[in-house]
Amino acid sequence: MDPRDNIFVPRHKLVPKTEKKRVFKVFGLNDEHILPKILISDPVIQAMIMEGVNVQLGDLIEIERESLTSGTSLYYREVVLNA
C-alpha cells in the first residue's frame, strides 16, 4: 500500500539540486544541516524510491501541507540515514 494515497499524508517532492540553491538563498540558509530531517527509511520516501525517484542522502524534500488558515504551506526536509 502506498502511504501517499492516504488523505492525511501531504505531498512530498524531491527538489532538484539546481533548485536547492535557490531555496537556500530565499530562506537565507547557508548550511543544509540546520534543516529538519526526514529519514531515507520514511515510508513516503521509500514509496518515491520504488516509483523511480532518485532520492539520495542529503537531498532536499519539499512537503506541501494544506492549511485552513494559510492555504498551502511549504516545508523542507533534508534526507538522512538516521536522526
N, C-alpha and C. Protein backbone atom coordinates (compact mmCIF):
# COMPACT_ATOMS: atom_id res chain seq x y z
N MET A 1 0.84 -1.19 0.00
CA MET A 1 0.00 0.00 0.00
C MET A 1 0.88 1.25 0.00
N ASP A 2 0.57 2.18 -0.84
CA ASP A 2 1.32 3.42 -0.97
C ASP A 2 0.83 4.42 0.08
N PRO A 3 1.70 4.86 1.00
CA PRO A 3 1.27 5.79 2.04
C PRO A 3 0.80 7.13 1.48
N ARG A 4 1.22 7.46 0.27
CA ARG A 4 0.82 8.74 -0.33
C ARG A 4 -0.65 8.75 -0.73
N ASP A 5 -1.29 7.57 -0.73
CA ASP A 5 -2.71 7.51 -1.06
C ASP A 5 -3.59 7.95 0.11
N ASN A 6 -3.02 8.03 1.30
CA ASN A 6 -3.77 8.45 2.47
C ASN A 6 -4.01 9.96 2.40
N ILE A 7 -5.24 10.39 2.67
CA ILE A 7 -5.57 11.82 2.55
C ILE A 7 -4.84 12.68 3.58
N PHE A 8 -4.33 12.08 4.63
CA PHE A 8 -3.63 12.84 5.67
C PHE A 8 -2.13 12.97 5.42
N VAL A 9 -1.62 12.34 4.38
CA VAL A 9 -0.20 12.42 4.05
C VAL A 9 -0.01 13.55 3.04
N PRO A 10 0.76 14.57 3.41
CA PRO A 10 0.96 15.69 2.48
C PRO A 10 1.82 15.27 1.29
N ARG A 11 1.77 16.07 0.24
CA ARG A 11 2.54 15.80 -0.98
C ARG A 11 4.02 16.03 -0.70
N HIS A 12 4.84 15.08 -1.10
CA HIS A 12 6.30 15.16 -0.97
C HIS A 12 6.89 15.23 -2.37
N LYS A 13 7.89 16.08 -2.54
CA LYS A 13 8.53 16.23 -3.85
C LYS A 13 10.03 16.40 -3.67
N LEU A 14 10.80 15.71 -4.49
CA LEU A 14 12.25 15.88 -4.48
C LEU A 14 12.58 17.21 -5.15
N VAL A 15 13.35 18.04 -4.46
CA VAL A 15 13.77 19.33 -5.01
C VAL A 15 15.04 19.08 -5.84
N PRO A 16 15.03 19.48 -7.12
CA PRO A 16 16.24 19.30 -7.94
C PRO A 16 17.42 20.07 -7.33
N LYS A 17 18.62 19.55 -7.54
CA LYS A 17 19.81 20.17 -6.96
C LYS A 17 19.96 21.63 -7.39
N THR A 18 19.58 21.95 -8.61
CA THR A 18 19.68 23.34 -9.09
C THR A 18 18.70 24.24 -8.33
N GLU A 19 17.54 23.71 -7.99
CA GLU A 19 16.52 24.46 -7.25
C GLU A 19 16.90 24.58 -5.77
N LYS A 20 17.66 23.63 -5.27
CA LYS A 20 18.05 23.60 -3.86
C LYS A 20 18.79 24.89 -3.49
N LYS A 21 19.68 25.34 -4.36
CA LYS A 21 20.43 26.57 -4.09
C LYS A 21 19.50 27.77 -3.99
N ARG A 22 18.49 27.81 -4.84
CA ARG A 22 17.53 28.92 -4.81
C ARG A 22 16.75 28.92 -3.50
N VAL A 23 16.32 27.74 -3.06
CA VAL A 23 15.57 27.62 -1.81
C VAL A 23 16.42 28.13 -0.65
N PHE A 24 17.69 27.74 -0.63
CA PHE A 24 18.59 28.19 0.44
C PHE A 24 18.74 29.70 0.42
N LYS A 25 18.85 30.27 -0.77
CA LYS A 25 19.01 31.72 -0.89
C LYS A 25 17.75 32.45 -0.42
N VAL A 26 16.58 31.97 -0.82
CA VAL A 26 15.31 32.60 -0.44
C VAL A 26 15.14 32.63 1.08
N PHE A 27 15.54 31.54 1.75
CA PHE A 27 15.36 31.45 3.20
C PHE A 27 16.60 31.90 3.98
N GLY A 28 17.63 32.36 3.27
CA GLY A 28 18.83 32.85 3.93
C GLY A 28 19.60 31.77 4.66
N LEU A 29 19.61 30.56 4.11
CA LEU A 29 20.31 29.45 4.73
C LEU A 29 21.68 29.27 4.08
N ASN A 30 22.67 28.91 4.87
CA ASN A 30 23.97 28.63 4.29
C ASN A 30 24.48 27.25 4.67
N ASP A 31 23.73 26.53 5.47
CA ASP A 31 24.14 25.18 5.88
C ASP A 31 22.91 24.28 5.87
N GLU A 32 22.91 23.28 4.99
CA GLU A 32 21.74 22.41 4.88
C GLU A 32 21.49 21.59 6.14
N HIS A 33 22.51 21.46 6.99
CA HIS A 33 22.36 20.61 8.17
C HIS A 33 21.51 21.26 9.26
N ILE A 34 21.08 22.51 9.06
CA ILE A 34 20.20 23.13 10.05
C ILE A 34 18.72 22.86 9.73
N LEU A 35 18.47 22.25 8.59
CA LEU A 35 17.09 21.92 8.22
C LEU A 35 16.58 20.74 9.03
N PRO A 36 15.25 20.67 9.22
CA PRO A 36 14.68 19.46 9.81
C PRO A 36 15.00 18.26 8.93
N LYS A 37 14.97 17.09 9.50
CA LYS A 37 15.38 15.87 8.80
C LYS A 37 14.18 15.00 8.44
N ILE A 38 14.38 14.17 7.42
CA ILE A 38 13.45 13.10 7.09
C ILE A 38 14.31 11.87 6.79
N LEU A 39 13.95 10.77 7.39
CA LEU A 39 14.74 9.55 7.21
C LEU A 39 14.55 8.96 5.82
N ILE A 40 15.62 8.40 5.28
CA ILE A 40 15.52 7.73 3.99
C ILE A 40 14.62 6.51 4.11
N SER A 41 14.44 6.01 5.32
CA SER A 41 13.57 4.86 5.57
C SER A 41 12.10 5.26 5.77
N ASP A 42 11.81 6.55 5.72
CA ASP A 42 10.43 7.03 5.85
C ASP A 42 9.57 6.36 4.77
N PRO A 43 8.37 5.91 5.12
CA PRO A 43 7.53 5.21 4.14
C PRO A 43 7.24 6.02 2.87
N VAL A 44 7.09 7.32 2.99
CA VAL A 44 6.83 8.13 1.80
C VAL A 44 8.08 8.20 0.92
N ILE A 45 9.25 8.34 1.53
CA ILE A 45 10.49 8.37 0.77
C ILE A 45 10.71 7.02 0.08
N GLN A 46 10.43 5.95 0.80
CA GLN A 46 10.58 4.61 0.20
C GLN A 46 9.62 4.43 -0.97
N ALA A 47 8.40 4.95 -0.86
CA ALA A 47 7.43 4.87 -1.97
C ALA A 47 7.93 5.67 -3.18
N MET A 48 8.55 6.82 -2.92
CA MET A 48 9.11 7.62 -4.01
C MET A 48 10.22 6.84 -4.71
N ILE A 49 11.10 6.20 -3.93
CA ILE A 49 12.20 5.42 -4.50
C ILE A 49 11.65 4.25 -5.32
N MET A 50 10.65 3.57 -4.80
CA MET A 50 10.05 2.44 -5.52
C MET A 50 9.41 2.90 -6.84
N GLU A 51 8.98 4.15 -6.88
CA GLU A 51 8.38 4.72 -8.08
C GLU A 51 9.44 5.16 -9.10
N GLY A 52 10.71 5.15 -8.68
CA GLY A 52 11.78 5.50 -9.59
C GLY A 52 12.40 6.87 -9.35
N VAL A 53 11.95 7.56 -8.31
CA VAL A 53 12.54 8.86 -7.97
C VAL A 53 13.89 8.59 -7.33
N ASN A 54 14.93 9.25 -7.80
CA ASN A 54 16.30 9.01 -7.33
C ASN A 54 16.59 9.84 -6.08
N VAL A 55 16.02 9.43 -4.93
CA VAL A 55 16.23 10.12 -3.66
C VAL A 55 17.51 9.59 -3.03
N GLN A 56 18.39 10.51 -2.65
CA GLN A 56 19.67 10.14 -2.04
C GLN A 56 19.88 10.93 -0.75
N LEU A 57 20.80 10.45 0.07
CA LEU A 57 21.13 11.14 1.31
C LEU A 57 21.58 12.56 0.98
N GLY A 58 21.13 13.52 1.76
CA GLY A 58 21.49 14.92 1.55
C GLY A 58 20.55 15.66 0.62
N ASP A 59 19.63 14.95 -0.03
CA ASP A 59 18.68 15.61 -0.93
C ASP A 59 17.68 16.43 -0.11
N LEU A 60 17.03 17.34 -0.80
CA LEU A 60 16.03 18.21 -0.19
C LEU A 60 14.65 17.76 -0.64
N ILE A 61 13.75 17.58 0.33
CA ILE A 61 12.36 17.19 0.04
C ILE A 61 11.45 18.36 0.39
N GLU A 62 10.57 18.71 -0.54
CA GLU A 62 9.58 19.75 -0.30
C GLU A 62 8.27 19.06 0.09
N ILE A 63 7.70 19.50 1.19
CA ILE A 63 6.44 18.93 1.67
C ILE A 63 5.39 20.03 1.62
N GLU A 64 4.30 19.76 0.91
CA GLU A 64 3.24 20.74 0.74
C GLU A 64 2.05 20.36 1.61
N ARG A 65 1.77 21.20 2.59
CA ARG A 65 0.66 20.91 3.51
C ARG A 65 -0.46 21.92 3.30
N GLU A 66 -1.67 21.41 3.35
CA GLU A 66 -2.84 22.27 3.25
C GLU A 66 -3.18 22.80 4.64
N SER A 67 -3.58 24.07 4.69
CA SER A 67 -3.92 24.70 5.95
C SER A 67 -5.21 25.49 5.78
N LEU A 68 -6.09 25.40 6.75
CA LEU A 68 -7.34 26.16 6.68
C LEU A 68 -7.09 27.65 6.80
N THR A 69 -6.04 28.04 7.50
CA THR A 69 -5.78 29.46 7.71
C THR A 69 -4.87 30.09 6.66
N SER A 70 -3.90 29.34 6.16
CA SER A 70 -2.95 29.95 5.22
C SER A 70 -2.98 29.34 3.82
N GLY A 71 -3.91 28.44 3.57
CA GLY A 71 -3.97 27.81 2.25
C GLY A 71 -2.98 26.67 2.15
N THR A 72 -1.86 26.92 1.48
CA THR A 72 -0.83 25.90 1.31
C THR A 72 0.48 26.40 1.93
N SER A 73 1.13 25.53 2.67
CA SER A 73 2.43 25.86 3.27
C SER A 73 3.47 24.87 2.78
N LEU A 74 4.67 25.37 2.51
CA LEU A 74 5.76 24.52 2.06
C LEU A 74 6.75 24.34 3.21
N TYR A 75 7.19 23.10 3.38
CA TYR A 75 8.19 22.75 4.39
C TYR A 75 9.29 21.99 3.68
N TYR A 76 10.50 22.10 4.19
CA TYR A 76 11.64 21.44 3.57
C TYR A 76 12.34 20.55 4.58
N ARG A 77 12.78 19.39 4.11
CA ARG A 77 13.48 18.41 4.96
C ARG A 77 14.70 17.89 4.21
N GLU A 78 15.78 17.64 4.96
CA GLU A 78 16.98 17.02 4.40
C GLU A 78 16.88 15.51 4.63
N VAL A 79 17.18 14.73 3.60
CA VAL A 79 17.14 13.28 3.69
C VAL A 79 18.40 12.80 4.41
N VAL A 80 18.19 12.03 5.49
CA VAL A 80 19.31 11.50 6.28
C VAL A 80 19.13 10.01 6.50
N LEU A 81 20.23 9.36 6.90
CA LEU A 81 20.21 7.94 7.18
C LEU A 81 19.56 7.62 8.52
N ASN A 82 19.92 8.40 9.53
CA ASN A 82 19.30 8.24 10.84
C ASN A 82 19.31 9.58 11.56
N ALA A 83 18.45 9.71 12.54
CA ALA A 83 18.28 11.01 13.21
C ALA A 83 19.31 11.28 14.21
